[in-house]
Amino acid sequence: MSEINPETQTENIDIEEETPAPKEPPPSYVKLAMRNMVKKKGISLKHFFLTTTALLAFFIGVSYLTR
C-alpha cells in the first residue's frame, strides 16, 4: 500500500489556512434574479406582459365556460 507522507499533509493544511475566508456570503438566488432582470429590462418586461395577458385570457376563458 502507499504510505502517507506527513510532509505533504502539513503542506496541504498550511495552504488551507492561508486562503482567506470570504467576507460576504454569496448573493442569494433572489438577489441574482433581480440583478439579471435589471440588466435585461426589455425581455423581462415583455415576459411580464405576456404572462399577464395569458393569465387574464385564461381566467376570462374559464369564467366564460363555467358560467
PDB file of N, CA and C in Angstrom:
ATOM      1  N   MET A   1       0.836  -1.189   0.000  1.00  0.00           N
ATOM      2  CA  MET A   1       0.000   0.000   0.000  1.00  0.00           C
ATOM      3  C   MET A   1       0.877   1.248   0.000  1.00  0.00           C
ATOM      4  N   SER A   2       0.307   2.326  -0.423  1.00  0.00           N
ATOM      5  CA  SER A   2       1.096   3.558  -0.447  1.00  0.00           C
ATOM      6  C   SER A   2       1.102   4.197   0.932  1.00  0.00           C
ATOM      7  N   GLU A   3       2.219   4.789   1.239  1.00  0.00           N
ATOM      8  CA  GLU A   3       2.347   5.438   2.538  1.00  0.00           C
ATOM      9  C   GLU A   3       1.975   6.915   2.419  1.00  0.00           C
ATOM     10  N   ILE A   4       1.435   7.471   3.483  1.00  0.00           N
ATOM     11  CA  ILE A   4       1.091   8.889   3.508  1.00  0.00           C
ATOM     12  C   ILE A   4       2.297   9.650   4.027  1.00  0.00           C
ATOM     13  N   ASN A   5       2.709  10.612   3.267  1.00  0.00           N
ATOM     14  CA  ASN A   5       3.867  11.412   3.630  1.00  0.00           C
ATOM     15  C   ASN A   5       3.407  12.528   4.576  1.00  0.00           C
ATOM     16  N   PRO A   6       3.893  12.582   5.790  1.00  0.00           N
ATOM     17  CA  PRO A   6       3.439  13.624   6.730  1.00  0.00           C
ATOM     18  C   PRO A   6       3.806  15.031   6.274  1.00  0.00           C
ATOM     19  N   GLU A   7       4.869  15.151   5.463  1.00  0.00           N
ATOM     20  CA  GLU A   7       5.247  16.483   4.997  1.00  0.00           C
ATOM     21  C   GLU A   7       4.205  17.056   4.052  1.00  0.00           C
ATOM     22  N   THR A   8       3.653  16.230   3.184  1.00  0.00           N
ATOM     23  CA  THR A   8       2.640  16.740   2.258  1.00  0.00           C
ATOM     24  C   THR A   8       1.341  17.059   2.985  1.00  0.00           C
ATOM     25  N   GLN A   9       1.071  16.323   4.043  1.00  0.00           N
ATOM     26  CA  GLN A   9      -0.136  16.633   4.818  1.00  0.00           C
ATOM     27  C   GLN A   9      -0.032  18.020   5.447  1.00  0.00           C
ATOM     28  N   THR A  10       1.106  18.346   6.004  1.00  0.00           N
ATOM     29  CA  THR A  10       1.240  19.662   6.631  1.00  0.00           C
ATOM     30  C   THR A  10       1.203  20.761   5.581  1.00  0.00           C
ATOM     31  N   GLU A  11       1.726  20.484   4.384  1.00  0.00           N
ATOM     32  CA  GLU A  11       1.664  21.492   3.329  1.00  0.00           C
ATOM     33  C   GLU A  11       0.223  21.771   2.938  1.00  0.00           C
ATOM     34  N   ASN A  12      -0.588  20.733   2.820  1.00  0.00           N
ATOM     35  CA  ASN A  12      -1.993  20.915   2.478  1.00  0.00           C
ATOM     36  C   ASN A  12      -2.732  21.708   3.556  1.00  0.00           C
ATOM     37  N   ILE A  13      -2.414  21.430   4.784  1.00  0.00           N
ATOM     38  CA  ILE A  13      -3.057  22.151   5.887  1.00  0.00           C
ATOM     39  C   ILE A  13      -2.652  23.613   5.861  1.00  0.00           C
ATOM     40  N   ASP A  14      -1.354  23.888   5.594  1.00  0.00           N
ATOM     41  CA  ASP A  14      -0.893  25.277   5.538  1.00  0.00           C
ATOM     42  C   ASP A  14      -1.589  26.038   4.416  1.00  0.00           C
ATOM     43  N   ILE A  15      -1.767  25.401   3.285  1.00  0.00           N
ATOM     44  CA  ILE A  15      -2.415  26.069   2.156  1.00  0.00           C
ATOM     45  C   ILE A  15      -3.856  26.409   2.515  1.00  0.00           C
ATOM     46  N   GLU A  16      -4.550  25.483   3.166  1.00  0.00           N
ATOM     47  CA  GLU A  16      -5.943  25.733   3.540  1.00  0.00           C
ATOM     48  C   GLU A  16      -6.047  26.880   4.546  1.00  0.00           C
ATOM     49  N   GLU A  17      -5.096  26.985   5.446  1.00  0.00           N
ATOM     50  CA  GLU A  17      -5.150  28.041   6.450  1.00  0.00           C
ATOM     51  C   GLU A  17      -4.828  29.407   5.851  1.00  0.00           C
ATOM     52  N   GLU A  18      -4.013  29.445   4.791  1.00  0.00           N
ATOM     53  CA  GLU A  18      -3.617  30.718   4.204  1.00  0.00           C
ATOM     54  C   GLU A  18      -4.708  31.340   3.357  1.00  0.00           C
ATOM     55  N   THR A  19      -5.591  30.528   2.785  1.00  0.00           N
ATOM     56  CA  THR A  19      -6.639  31.092   1.936  1.00  0.00           C
ATOM     57  C   THR A  19      -7.644  31.829   2.821  1.00  0.00           C
ATOM     58  N   PRO A  20      -7.886  33.100   2.520  1.00  0.00           N
ATOM     59  CA  PRO A  20      -8.815  33.861   3.356  1.00  0.00           C
ATOM     60  C   PRO A  20     -10.255  33.429   3.111  1.00  0.00           C
ATOM     61  N   ALA A  21     -11.017  33.458   4.163  1.00  0.00           N
ATOM     62  CA  ALA A  21     -12.435  33.121   4.062  1.00  0.00           C
ATOM     63  C   ALA A  21     -13.162  34.289   3.414  1.00  0.00           C
ATOM     64  N   PRO A  22     -14.173  34.025   2.608  1.00  0.00           N
ATOM     65  CA  PRO A  22     -14.915  35.138   2.001  1.00  0.00           C
ATOM     66  C   PRO A  22     -15.609  35.963   3.072  1.00  0.00           C
ATOM     67  N   LYS A  23     -15.508  37.272   2.942  1.00  0.00           N
ATOM     68  CA  LYS A  23     -16.075  38.147   3.969  1.00  0.00           C
ATOM     69  C   LYS A  23     -17.583  38.281   3.829  1.00  0.00           C
ATOM     70  N   GLU A  24     -18.079  38.217   2.580  1.00  0.00           N
ATOM     71  CA  GLU A  24     -19.519  38.308   2.348  1.00  0.00           C
ATOM     72  C   GLU A  24     -20.034  36.964   1.866  1.00  0.00           C
ATOM     73  N   PRO A  25     -21.209  36.566   2.311  1.00  0.00           N
ATOM     74  CA  PRO A  25     -21.768  35.317   1.793  1.00  0.00           C
ATOM     75  C   PRO A  25     -22.141  35.496   0.323  1.00  0.00           C
ATOM     76  N   PRO A  26     -22.208  34.427  -0.432  1.00  0.00           N
ATOM     77  CA  PRO A  26     -22.587  34.568  -1.845  1.00  0.00           C
ATOM     78  C   PRO A  26     -24.002  35.131  -1.951  1.00  0.00           C
ATOM     79  N   PRO A  27     -24.284  35.912  -2.989  1.00  0.00           N
ATOM     80  CA  PRO A  27     -25.603  36.516  -3.116  1.00  0.00           C
ATOM     81  C   PRO A  27     -26.694  35.451  -3.243  1.00  0.00           C
ATOM     82  N   SER A  28     -27.866  35.766  -2.725  1.00  0.00           N
ATOM     83  CA  SER A  28     -28.962  34.813  -2.754  1.00  0.00           C
ATOM     84  C   SER A  28     -29.528  34.696  -4.163  1.00  0.00           C
ATOM     85  N   TYR A  29     -30.339  33.679  -4.371  1.00  0.00           N
ATOM     86  CA  TYR A  29     -30.954  33.457  -5.679  1.00  0.00           C
ATOM     87  C   TYR A  29     -31.826  34.639  -6.078  1.00  0.00           C
ATOM     88  N   VAL A  30     -32.576  35.184  -5.129  1.00  0.00           N
ATOM     89  CA  VAL A  30     -33.468  36.310  -5.428  1.00  0.00           C
ATOM     90  C   VAL A  30     -32.647  37.525  -5.854  1.00  0.00           C
ATOM     91  N   LYS A  31     -31.552  37.774  -5.155  1.00  0.00           N
ATOM     92  CA  LYS A  31     -30.712  38.923  -5.484  1.00  0.00           C
ATOM     93  C   LYS A  31     -30.125  38.783  -6.889  1.00  0.00           C
ATOM     94  N   LEU A  32     -29.672  37.587  -7.239  1.00  0.00           N
ATOM     95  CA  LEU A  32     -29.135  37.357  -8.574  1.00  0.00           C
ATOM     96  C   LEU A  32     -30.223  37.519  -9.638  1.00  0.00           C
ATOM     97  N   ALA A  33     -31.429  37.037  -9.355  1.00  0.00           N
ATOM     98  CA  ALA A  33     -32.534  37.157 -10.311  1.00  0.00           C
ATOM     99  C   ALA A  33     -32.908  38.618 -10.518  1.00  0.00           C
ATOM    100  N   MET A  34     -32.940  39.392  -9.435  1.00  0.00           N
ATOM    101  CA  MET A  34     -33.271  40.819  -9.556  1.00  0.00           C
ATOM    102  C   MET A  34     -32.189  41.537 -10.374  1.00  0.00           C
ATOM    103  N   ARG A  35     -30.930  41.211 -10.125  1.00  0.00           N
ATOM    104  CA  ARG A  35     -29.834  41.842 -10.869  1.00  0.00           C
ATOM    105  C   ARG A  35     -29.944  41.502 -12.357  1.00  0.00           C
ATOM    106  N   ASN A  36     -30.307  40.261 -12.652  1.00  0.00           N
ATOM    107  CA  ASN A  36     -30.454  39.834 -14.035  1.00  0.00           C
ATOM    108  C   ASN A  36     -31.623  40.564 -14.705  1.00  0.00           C
ATOM    109  N   MET A  37     -32.718  40.773 -13.970  1.00  0.00           N
ATOM    110  CA  MET A  37     -33.863  41.483 -14.533  1.00  0.00           C
ATOM    111  C   MET A  37     -33.510  42.931 -14.842  1.00  0.00           C
ATOM    112  N   VAL A  38     -32.724  43.561 -14.007  1.00  0.00           N
ATOM    113  CA  VAL A  38     -32.338  44.954 -14.236  1.00  0.00           C
ATOM    114  C   VAL A  38     -31.467  45.051 -15.484  1.00  0.00           C
ATOM    115  N   LYS A  39     -30.596  44.052 -15.686  1.00  0.00           N
ATOM    116  CA  LYS A  39     -29.735  44.060 -16.865  1.00  0.00           C
ATOM    117  C   LYS A  39     -30.542  43.898 -18.150  1.00  0.00           C
ATOM    118  N   LYS A  40     -31.569  43.055 -18.113  1.00  0.00           N
ATOM    119  CA  LYS A  40     -32.337  42.725 -19.318  1.00  0.00           C
ATOM    120  C   LYS A  40     -33.753  43.270 -19.184  1.00  0.00           C
ATOM    121  N   LYS A  41     -33.881  44.571 -19.126  1.00  0.00           N
ATOM    122  CA  LYS A  41     -35.180  45.206 -18.890  1.00  0.00           C
ATOM    123  C   LYS A  41     -36.216  44.830 -19.946  1.00  0.00           C
ATOM    124  N   GLY A  42     -35.854  44.945 -21.215  1.00  0.00           N
ATOM    125  CA  GLY A  42     -36.814  44.730 -22.290  1.00  0.00           C
ATOM    126  C   GLY A  42     -37.399  43.331 -22.288  1.00  0.00           C
ATOM    127  N   ILE A  43     -36.546  42.340 -22.140  1.00  0.00           N
ATOM    128  CA  ILE A  43     -37.002  40.950 -22.153  1.00  0.00           C
ATOM    129  C   ILE A  43     -37.872  40.666 -20.934  1.00  0.00           C
ATOM    130  N   SER A  44     -37.470  41.170 -19.775  1.00  0.00           N
ATOM    131  CA  SER A  44     -38.245  40.929 -18.556  1.00  0.00           C
ATOM    132  C   SER A  44     -39.624  41.557 -18.658  1.00  0.00           C
ATOM    133  N   LEU A  45     -39.699  42.787 -19.164  1.00  0.00           N
ATOM    134  CA  LEU A  45     -40.997  43.446 -19.305  1.00  0.00           C
ATOM    135  C   LEU A  45     -41.872  42.723 -20.320  1.00  0.00           C
ATOM    136  N   LYS A  46     -41.276  42.281 -21.411  1.00  0.00           N
ATOM    137  CA  LYS A  46     -42.030  41.548 -22.429  1.00  0.00           C
ATOM    138  C   LYS A  46     -42.614  40.266 -21.831  1.00  0.00           C
ATOM    139  N   HIS A  47     -41.812  39.522 -21.095  1.00  0.00           N
ATOM    140  CA  HIS A  47     -42.294  38.287 -20.470  1.00  0.00           C
ATOM    141  C   HIS A  47     -43.368  38.577 -19.426  1.00  0.00           C
ATOM    142  N   PHE A  48     -43.200  39.663 -18.683  1.00  0.00           N
ATOM    143  CA  PHE A  48     -44.201  40.029 -17.676  1.00  0.00           C
ATOM    144  C   PHE A  48     -45.551  40.312 -18.336  1.00  0.00           C
ATOM    145  N   PHE A  49     -45.548  41.119 -19.405  1.00  0.00           N
ATOM    146  CA  PHE A  49     -46.805  41.463 -20.060  1.00  0.00           C
ATOM    147  C   PHE A  49     -47.417  40.259 -20.777  1.00  0.00           C
ATOM    148  N   LEU A  50     -46.594  39.396 -21.356  1.00  0.00           N
ATOM    149  CA  LEU A  50     -47.123  38.178 -21.970  1.00  0.00           C
ATOM    150  C   LEU A  50     -47.772  37.269 -20.933  1.00  0.00           C
ATOM    151  N   THR A  51     -47.144  37.129 -19.790  1.00  0.00           N
ATOM    152  CA  THR A  51     -47.695  36.300 -18.722  1.00  0.00           C
ATOM    153  C   THR A  51     -48.991  36.885 -18.198  1.00  0.00           C
ATOM    154  N   THR A  52     -49.022  38.196 -17.995  1.00  0.00           N
ATOM    155  CA  THR A  52     -50.235  38.856 -17.511  1.00  0.00           C
ATOM    156  C   THR A  52     -51.375  38.681 -18.506  1.00  0.00           C
ATOM    157  N   THR A  53     -51.103  38.871 -19.784  1.00  0.00           N
ATOM    158  CA  THR A  53     -52.124  38.722 -20.821  1.00  0.00           C
ATOM    159  C   THR A  53     -52.623  37.279 -20.877  1.00  0.00           C
ATOM    160  N   ALA A  54     -51.726  36.325 -20.807  1.00  0.00           N
ATOM    161  CA  ALA A  54     -52.119  34.915 -20.858  1.00  0.00           C
ATOM    162  C   ALA A  54     -52.978  34.542 -19.652  1.00  0.00           C
ATOM    163  N   LEU A  55     -52.604  35.015 -18.463  1.00  0.00           N
ATOM    164  CA  LEU A  55     -53.401  34.711 -17.270  1.00  0.00           C
ATOM    165  C   LEU A  55     -54.787  35.340 -17.355  1.00  0.00           C
ATOM    166  N   LEU A  56     -54.860  36.588 -17.813  1.00  0.00           N
ATOM    167  CA  LEU A  56     -56.171  37.230 -17.962  1.00  0.00           C
ATOM    168  C   LEU A  56     -57.027  36.480 -18.973  1.00  0.00           C
ATOM    169  N   ALA A  57     -56.444  36.087 -20.104  1.00  0.00           N
ATOM    170  CA  ALA A  57     -57.183  35.332 -21.111  1.00  0.00           C
ATOM    171  C   ALA A  57     -57.656  33.998 -20.545  1.00  0.00           C
ATOM    172  N   PHE A  58     -56.804  33.339 -19.776  1.00  0.00           N
ATOM    173  CA  PHE A  58     -57.174  32.063 -19.169  1.00  0.00           C
ATOM    174  C   PHE A  58     -58.338  32.236 -18.196  1.00  0.00           C
ATOM    175  N   PHE A  59     -58.245  33.227 -17.301  1.00  0.00           N
ATOM    176  CA  PHE A  59     -59.315  33.434 -16.315  1.00  0.00           C
ATOM    177  C   PHE A  59     -60.628  33.844 -16.982  1.00  0.00           C
ATOM    178  N   ILE A  60     -60.556  34.692 -17.982  1.00  0.00           N
ATOM    179  CA  ILE A  60     -61.773  35.101 -18.691  1.00  0.00           C
ATOM    180  C   ILE A  60     -62.366  33.896 -19.436  1.00  0.00           C
ATOM    181  N   GLY A  61     -61.511  33.103 -20.061  1.00  0.00           N
ATOM    182  CA  GLY A  61     -61.989  31.905 -20.763  1.00  0.00           C
ATOM    183  C   GLY A  61     -62.634  30.910 -19.822  1.00  0.00           C
ATOM    184  N   VAL A  62     -62.016  30.664 -18.669  1.00  0.00           N
ATOM    185  CA  VAL A  62     -62.592  29.724 -17.697  1.00  0.00           C
ATOM    186  C   VAL A  62     -63.902  30.264 -17.143  1.00  0.00           C
ATOM    187  N   SER A  63     -63.966  31.555 -16.861  1.00  0.00           N
ATOM    188  CA  SER A  63     -65.210  32.124 -16.327  1.00  0.00           C
ATOM    189  C   SER A  63     -66.333  32.072 -17.375  1.00  0.00           C
ATOM    190  N   TYR A  64     -65.971  32.228 -18.641  1.00  0.00           N
ATOM    191  CA  TYR A  64     -66.980  32.159 -19.715  1.00  0.00           C
ATOM    192  C   TYR A  64     -67.503  30.719 -19.850  1.00  0.00           C
ATOM    193  N   LEU A  65     -66.593  29.750 -19.775  1.00  0.00           N
ATOM    194  CA  LEU A  65     -67.002  28.346 -19.935  1.00  0.00           C
ATOM    195  C   LEU A  65     -67.790  27.819 -18.740  1.00  0.00           C
ATOM    196  N   THR A  66     -67.578  28.350 -17.569  1.00  0.00           N
ATOM    197  CA  THR A  66     -68.231  27.827 -16.361  1.00  0.00           C
ATOM    198  C   THR A  66     -69.386  28.686 -15.879  1.00  0.00           C
ATOM    199  N   ARG A  67     -69.896  29.571 -16.702  1.00  0.00           N
ATOM    200  CA  ARG A  67     -70.980  30.439 -16.234  1.00  0.00           C
ATOM    201  C   ARG A  67     -72.289  29.712 -16.155  1.00  0.00           C
TER     202      ARG A  67
END
